Amino acid sequence: MTRVLPAPVSRRTFLGTTLLAGAAAHAAESGRVTALPSPTHARRPQPPYRVWFQPRLWHRDTDLYAHMTIDASGWLDSQLAETAGITALDWAYGLNHPDTKGPEYWSHACSVAGRSHPRKATAPKFIAAGIALDEWVPPAQPDNEKWLGEGLRAGRKANPEVFTAIWSTEPTPALFELARDGTVDLIIVEGYTHSVKPGHSTSWEGALRRLEKFSEAKVLEKTIFSFGHITAEKNHRGEPLKQKWLRERAEELKHRFPAMPGIAFFQPDCPDTPEQRTLLRFCDRLSAELWPGPQRD
């Protein structure tokens, strides 16, 4: 997956933050104490988890993702998503962090300061519910697994309300322990079988093998599977991603792993076509059909 950079600050947000800071400074100079408004805290997500990574067309047509409950990519504006009943988690590095020097990066990401929006504002307006780590892969640095575990545990101890999700390819015992001890709330298994570019996908058998490891570790109640890449473009073998295949595989997951509390989809950067929108809408409706719940269904 590719890191998603934060959206630029809008003119309205910039002016609002600047005026608020100026008003507070003026009150201090005049000897008056003016209480700043408390930021809004995002709701903590609950199962069923119907997750998207980079729901790129949400701002154009929210109905395409009518049953989405979590954006686990940092793609959506967290405050705007909250008004639509969606939890938008902040993006954070996982084991792929290239240059961290210790656990502080992850403990800060869990903190209220690390989850505040707008970023670095004098008076933040919104606190995100949590973070989504991208991703649990072979570590970019030898100590990353140790540092990540220490950082998340410290962050969770200081902020017990924080929701933590991790995208994972091949798990290790350390990831299982983070789920067992309550540090991690959700593990999203990357089972991508469809990719335009070669080398970016696995077989269905390979995807199931990954999921079986979490079942054997007895953390399936915190684990969901992610289909990908959700694109109407043909894969590198010239094959389309068919709705019939998606339904059959999703029903297979529901039958084989009933403890899984949801499903996820990875949306790549691809053309906005009628075929793409039809595929997105199908995945969204399928997720609600097989993993129903009270949240906006």
Protein backbone atom coordinates (compact mmCIF):
# COMPACT_ATOMS: atom_id res chain seq x y z
CA MET A 1 0.00 0.00 0.00
CA THR A 2 1.04 3.57 -0.62
CA ARG A 3 1.24 6.24 2.02
CA VAL A 4 -1.55 8.79 1.69
CA LEU A 5 -0.47 12.32 2.41
CA PRO A 6 -2.79 14.55 4.47
CA ALA A 7 -5.09 16.79 2.49
CA PRO A 8 -4.05 20.46 2.28
CA VAL A 9 -5.62 22.81 4.80
CA SER A 10 -8.55 24.65 3.26
CA ARG A 11 -8.78 28.44 3.27
CA ARG A 12 -11.79 28.24 5.60
CA THR A 13 -9.96 26.00 8.09
CA PHE A 14 -6.87 28.20 7.95
CA LEU A 15 -8.82 31.40 8.56
CA GLY A 16 -10.90 29.81 11.31
CA THR A 17 -7.84 28.55 13.18
CA THR A 18 -6.02 31.85 12.77
CA LEU A 19 -8.95 33.93 14.02
CA LEU A 20 -9.47 31.64 16.99
CA ALA A 21 -5.83 31.87 17.98
CA GLY A 22 -5.89 35.67 17.59
CA ALA A 23 -8.99 35.99 19.75
CA ALA A 24 -7.41 33.91 22.50
CA ALA A 25 -4.26 36.05 22.42
CA HIS A 26 -6.29 39.26 22.59
CA ALA A 27 -8.24 38.00 25.58
CA ALA A 28 -5.02 37.11 27.39
CA GLU A 29 -3.55 40.56 26.77
CA SER A 30 -6.68 42.25 28.11
CA GLY A 31 -6.62 40.19 31.30
CA ARG A 32 -9.70 38.13 30.43
CA VAL A 33 -9.65 34.33 30.51
CA THR A 34 -11.63 32.87 27.63
CA ALA A 35 -12.22 29.13 27.62
CA LEU A 36 -11.58 27.56 24.23
CA PRO A 37 -14.18 25.07 23.01
CA SER A 38 -13.37 21.44 23.73
CA PRO A 39 -12.65 19.32 20.64
CA THR A 40 -15.09 16.66 19.54
CA HIS A 41 -13.92 13.06 20.01
CA ALA A 42 -14.79 10.58 17.28
CA ARG A 43 -16.94 7.60 18.17
CA ARG A 44 -15.08 4.32 18.65
CA PRO A 45 -16.04 1.79 15.96
CA GLN A 46 -17.88 -1.41 16.83
CA PRO A 47 -18.46 -4.60 14.81
CA PRO A 48 -19.39 -5.29 12.16
CA TYR A 49 -16.33 -3.71 10.55
CA ARG A 50 -16.86 -2.87 6.88
CA VAL A 51 -13.57 -1.32 5.94
CA TRP A 52 -12.18 0.45 2.89
CA PHE A 53 -8.65 1.52 2.09
CA GLN A 54 -8.69 4.69 -0.02
CA PRO A 55 -12.39 5.05 -0.90
CA ARG A 56 -11.38 7.46 -3.63
CA LEU A 57 -14.83 8.32 -4.96
CA TRP A 58 -16.55 8.94 -1.61
CA HIS A 59 -16.42 12.71 -1.97
CA ARG A 60 -18.08 12.43 -5.39
CA ASP A 61 -20.73 9.84 -4.56
CA THR A 62 -21.14 8.74 -0.95
CA ASP A 63 -23.81 6.22 -1.97
CA LEU A 64 -21.09 4.02 -3.49
CA TYR A 65 -19.95 3.28 0.07
CA ALA A 66 -23.30 3.49 1.83
CA HIS A 67 -22.45 0.65 4.26
CA MET A 68 -18.81 1.49 4.96
CA THR A 69 -18.11 1.87 8.68
CA ILE A 70 -14.33 2.47 8.67
CA ASP A 71 -11.83 4.21 6.40
CA ALA A 72 -8.53 2.62 7.43
CA SER A 73 -6.28 4.61 5.14
CA GLY A 74 -6.31 8.23 6.26
CA TRP A 75 -8.01 9.05 2.96
CA LEU A 76 -11.15 10.70 4.31
CA ASP A 77 -11.34 13.85 6.39
CA SER A 78 -12.04 12.41 9.83
CA GLN A 79 -14.43 15.18 10.93
CA LEU A 80 -16.44 15.04 7.71
CA ALA A 81 -16.59 11.24 7.87
CA GLU A 82 -17.89 11.43 11.45
CA THR A 83 -20.90 13.44 10.32
CA ALA A 84 -21.72 10.60 7.88
CA GLY A 85 -21.44 7.91 10.55
CA ILE A 86 -18.05 6.67 9.37
CA THR A 87 -14.90 6.28 11.47
CA ALA A 88 -11.88 7.63 9.61
CA LEU A 89 -8.69 6.31 11.21
CA ASP A 90 -5.44 8.23 10.92
CA TRP A 91 -2.72 6.72 8.76
CA ALA A 92 0.54 5.63 10.41
CA TYR A 93 3.61 3.65 9.43
CA GLY A 94 3.84 0.01 10.46
CA LEU A 95 6.98 -2.12 10.35
CA ASN A 96 7.82 -0.38 7.08
CA HIS A 97 8.85 2.85 8.86
CA PRO A 98 12.18 3.72 7.18
CA ASP A 99 13.93 5.87 9.79
CA THR A 100 12.28 5.87 13.23
CA LYS A 101 14.70 5.74 16.18
CA GLY A 102 12.48 4.18 18.82
CA PRO A 103 8.93 3.51 20.04
CA GLU A 104 8.01 7.19 20.35
CA TYR A 105 6.62 7.45 16.83
CA TRP A 106 3.89 4.89 17.59
CA SER A 107 3.12 6.03 21.14
CA HIS A 108 2.67 9.59 19.83
CA ALA A 109 0.39 8.37 17.03
CA CYS A 110 -1.90 6.90 19.72
CA SER A 111 -1.95 10.09 21.78
CA VAL A 112 -4.61 12.80 21.72
CA ALA A 113 -2.04 15.21 20.32
CA GLY A 114 -1.16 12.73 17.59
CA ARG A 115 -4.84 12.30 16.64
CA SER A 116 -5.82 15.98 16.73
CA HIS A 117 -7.27 17.80 13.73
CA PRO A 118 -6.44 20.21 12.19
CA ARG A 119 -2.85 19.11 12.56
CA LYS A 120 -0.71 21.27 14.88
CA ALA A 121 -3.59 23.69 15.40
CA THR A 122 -3.55 25.91 18.49
CA ALA A 123 -7.06 24.73 19.30
CA PRO A 124 -7.87 21.39 17.58
CA LYS A 125 -11.50 20.81 16.71
CA PHE A 126 -11.57 17.04 16.40
CA ILE A 127 -9.82 13.98 17.84
CA ALA A 128 -9.75 10.92 15.59
CA ALA A 129 -10.81 7.58 17.06
CA GLY A 130 -7.55 5.86 16.30
CA ILE A 131 -4.92 4.81 13.81
CA ALA A 132 -4.46 2.32 10.99
CA LEU A 133 -0.91 1.02 10.59
CA ASP A 134 0.34 0.48 7.05
CA GLU A 135 1.60 -2.23 7.40
CA TRP A 136 2.86 -5.48 9.09
CA VAL A 137 5.48 -6.63 6.59
CA PRO A 138 9.17 -7.59 6.89
CA PRO A 139 10.57 -4.66 8.95
CA ALA A 140 12.44 -1.85 7.25
CA GLN A 141 14.75 -1.66 10.28
CA PRO A 142 15.88 -4.53 12.55
CA ASP A 143 14.32 -3.08 15.73
CA ASN A 144 11.03 -1.92 14.23
CA GLU A 145 9.02 -4.87 15.52
CA LYS A 146 10.28 -4.30 19.07
CA TRP A 147 9.79 -0.53 18.90
CA LEU A 148 6.34 -0.79 17.35
CA GLY A 149 5.15 -3.16 20.07
CA GLU A 150 6.54 -0.98 22.85
CA GLY A 151 5.09 2.17 21.32
CA LEU A 152 1.60 0.78 20.79
CA ARG A 153 1.45 -0.70 24.28
CA ALA A 154 2.56 2.57 25.87
CA GLY A 155 0.12 4.50 23.70
CA ARG A 156 -2.76 2.22 24.60
CA LYS A 157 -1.94 2.41 28.32
CA ALA A 158 -1.96 6.21 28.23
CA ASN A 159 -4.99 6.37 25.89
CA PRO A 160 -7.21 3.34 26.56
CA GLU A 161 -9.89 4.70 24.21
CA VAL A 162 -7.67 4.62 21.11
CA PHE A 163 -8.68 2.18 18.34
CA THR A 164 -5.76 0.50 16.58
CA ALA A 165 -5.92 -1.39 13.28
CA ILE A 166 -3.02 -3.05 11.46
CA TRP A 167 -2.84 -4.12 7.82
CA SER A 168 -0.90 -7.38 7.56
CA THR A 169 0.65 -9.68 5.00
CA GLU A 170 2.63 -12.44 6.74
CA PRO A 171 2.06 -12.33 10.51
CA THR A 172 4.58 -13.06 13.25
CA PRO A 173 4.06 -14.11 16.89
CA ALA A 174 4.56 -10.49 17.98
CA LEU A 175 1.45 -9.43 16.05
CA PHE A 176 -0.60 -12.21 17.61
CA GLU A 177 0.45 -11.05 21.07
CA LEU A 178 -0.58 -7.46 20.35
CA ALA A 179 -4.05 -8.76 19.52
CA ARG A 180 -4.24 -11.12 22.50
CA ASP A 181 -3.21 -8.55 25.11
CA GLY A 182 -5.75 -5.99 23.89
CA THR A 183 -3.30 -3.54 22.33
CA VAL A 184 -4.61 -4.05 18.79
CA ASP A 185 -8.33 -3.99 18.05
CA LEU A 186 -8.38 -5.06 14.41
CA ILE A 187 -6.05 -6.91 12.02
CA ILE A 188 -6.80 -6.60 8.31
CA VAL A 189 -5.33 -9.43 6.23
CA GLU A 190 -4.18 -8.39 2.77
CA GLY A 191 -5.55 -11.09 0.49
CA TYR A 192 -5.16 -9.29 -2.82
CA THR A 193 -5.74 -11.60 -5.78
CA HIS A 194 -6.35 -9.00 -8.50
CA SER A 195 -3.71 -6.51 -9.61
CA VAL A 196 -3.04 -4.63 -12.82
CA LYS A 197 0.70 -4.87 -12.17
CA PRO A 198 2.45 -8.24 -11.78
CA GLY A 199 3.97 -9.04 -8.40
CA HIS A 200 1.33 -7.18 -6.40
CA SER A 201 -1.07 -10.07 -5.78
CA THR A 202 -1.33 -13.56 -4.37
CA SER A 203 -3.43 -16.59 -5.24
CA TRP A 204 -6.71 -17.31 -3.49
CA GLU A 205 -5.01 -20.29 -1.84
CA GLY A 206 -2.21 -18.00 -0.66
CA ALA A 207 -4.74 -15.53 0.71
CA LEU A 208 -6.53 -18.26 2.65
CA ARG A 209 -3.22 -19.53 4.02
CA ARG A 210 -2.59 -16.11 5.54
CA LEU A 211 -6.00 -16.10 7.14
CA GLU A 212 -5.55 -19.62 8.51
CA LYS A 213 -2.55 -18.41 10.52
CA PHE A 214 -4.73 -15.96 12.41
CA SER A 215 -7.33 -18.66 12.95
CA GLU A 216 -4.69 -21.01 14.38
CA ALA A 217 -3.45 -18.20 16.65
CA LYS A 218 -7.02 -17.83 17.97
CA VAL A 219 -7.32 -14.12 17.19
CA LEU A 220 -9.92 -14.46 14.44
CA GLU A 221 -12.45 -12.39 16.41
CA LYS A 222 -10.12 -9.43 15.80
CA THR A 223 -9.28 -10.33 12.21
CA ILE A 224 -10.94 -9.49 8.90
CA PHE A 225 -10.03 -10.25 5.29
CA SER A 226 -9.41 -7.62 2.61
CA PHE A 227 -10.24 -8.14 -1.04
CA GLY A 228 -8.20 -6.26 -3.60
CA HIS A 229 -7.52 -4.62 -5.81
CA ILE A 230 -11.09 -3.46 -6.37
CA THR A 231 -10.78 -2.16 -9.92
CA ALA A 232 -12.75 -2.67 -13.13
CA GLU A 233 -9.44 -2.80 -14.99
CA LYS A 234 -8.23 -6.23 -16.08
CA ASN A 235 -5.36 -7.74 -14.12
CA HIS A 236 -1.91 -8.39 -15.52
CA ARG A 237 -3.15 -11.72 -16.92
CA GLY A 238 -5.97 -9.98 -18.81
CA GLU A 239 -8.73 -11.17 -16.45
CA PRO A 240 -11.55 -8.97 -15.09
CA LEU A 241 -12.62 -8.97 -11.44
CA LYS A 242 -16.08 -10.54 -11.61
CA GLN A 243 -18.95 -9.95 -9.21
CA LYS A 244 -19.83 -13.66 -9.23
CA TRP A 245 -16.29 -14.57 -8.11
CA LEU A 246 -16.35 -11.96 -5.33
CA ARG A 247 -19.66 -13.23 -4.01
CA GLU A 248 -18.55 -16.86 -4.04
CA ARG A 249 -15.28 -16.06 -2.25
CA ALA A 250 -17.00 -13.82 0.31
CA GLU A 251 -19.54 -16.54 1.08
CA GLU A 252 -16.68 -19.01 1.44
CA LEU A 253 -15.01 -16.73 4.00
CA LYS A 254 -18.27 -16.35 5.91
CA HIS A 255 -18.65 -20.15 6.04
CA ARG A 256 -15.05 -21.04 6.89
CA PHE A 257 -14.32 -18.20 9.31
CA PRO A 258 -17.63 -17.24 10.98
CA ALA A 259 -15.83 -15.50 13.85
CA MET A 260 -14.50 -12.79 11.54
CA PRO A 261 -16.28 -9.53 12.47
CA GLY A 262 -16.34 -7.98 9.02
CA ILE A 263 -14.67 -7.53 5.65
CA ALA A 264 -12.41 -5.00 3.89
CA PHE A 265 -11.65 -3.76 0.40
CA PHE A 266 -8.56 -2.10 -1.06
CA GLN A 267 -9.31 0.45 -3.78
CA PRO A 268 -6.32 1.42 -5.96
CA ASP A 269 -5.86 4.52 -8.08
CA CYS A 270 -7.85 3.66 -11.19
CA PRO A 271 -10.16 5.38 -13.70
CA ASP A 272 -13.55 6.63 -12.56
CA THR A 273 -15.79 4.75 -15.00
CA PRO A 274 -19.37 3.46 -14.85
CA GLU A 275 -17.94 -0.05 -14.57
CA GLN A 276 -15.78 0.99 -11.61
CA ARG A 277 -18.73 2.52 -9.80
CA THR A 278 -20.84 -0.58 -10.39
CA LEU A 279 -18.08 -2.74 -8.87
CA LEU A 280 -17.69 -0.48 -5.83
CA ARG A 281 -21.43 -0.45 -5.22
CA PHE A 282 -21.56 -4.24 -5.50
CA CYS A 283 -18.77 -4.71 -2.92
CA ASP A 284 -20.44 -2.27 -0.55
CA ARG A 285 -23.80 -4.04 -0.73
CA LEU A 286 -22.17 -7.46 -0.42
CA SER A 287 -20.42 -6.40 2.78
CA ALA A 288 -23.71 -5.35 4.37
CA GLU A 289 -25.51 -8.46 3.19
CA LEU A 290 -22.98 -10.90 4.68
CA TRP A 291 -21.88 -8.81 7.68
CA PRO A 292 -25.08 -6.99 8.65
CA GLY A 293 -25.42 -4.78 11.66
CA PRO A 294 -27.30 -1.84 13.13
CA GLN A 295 -24.89 0.77 11.77
CA ARG A 296 -26.72 2.63 8.97
CA ASP A 297 -28.01 -0.57 7.31
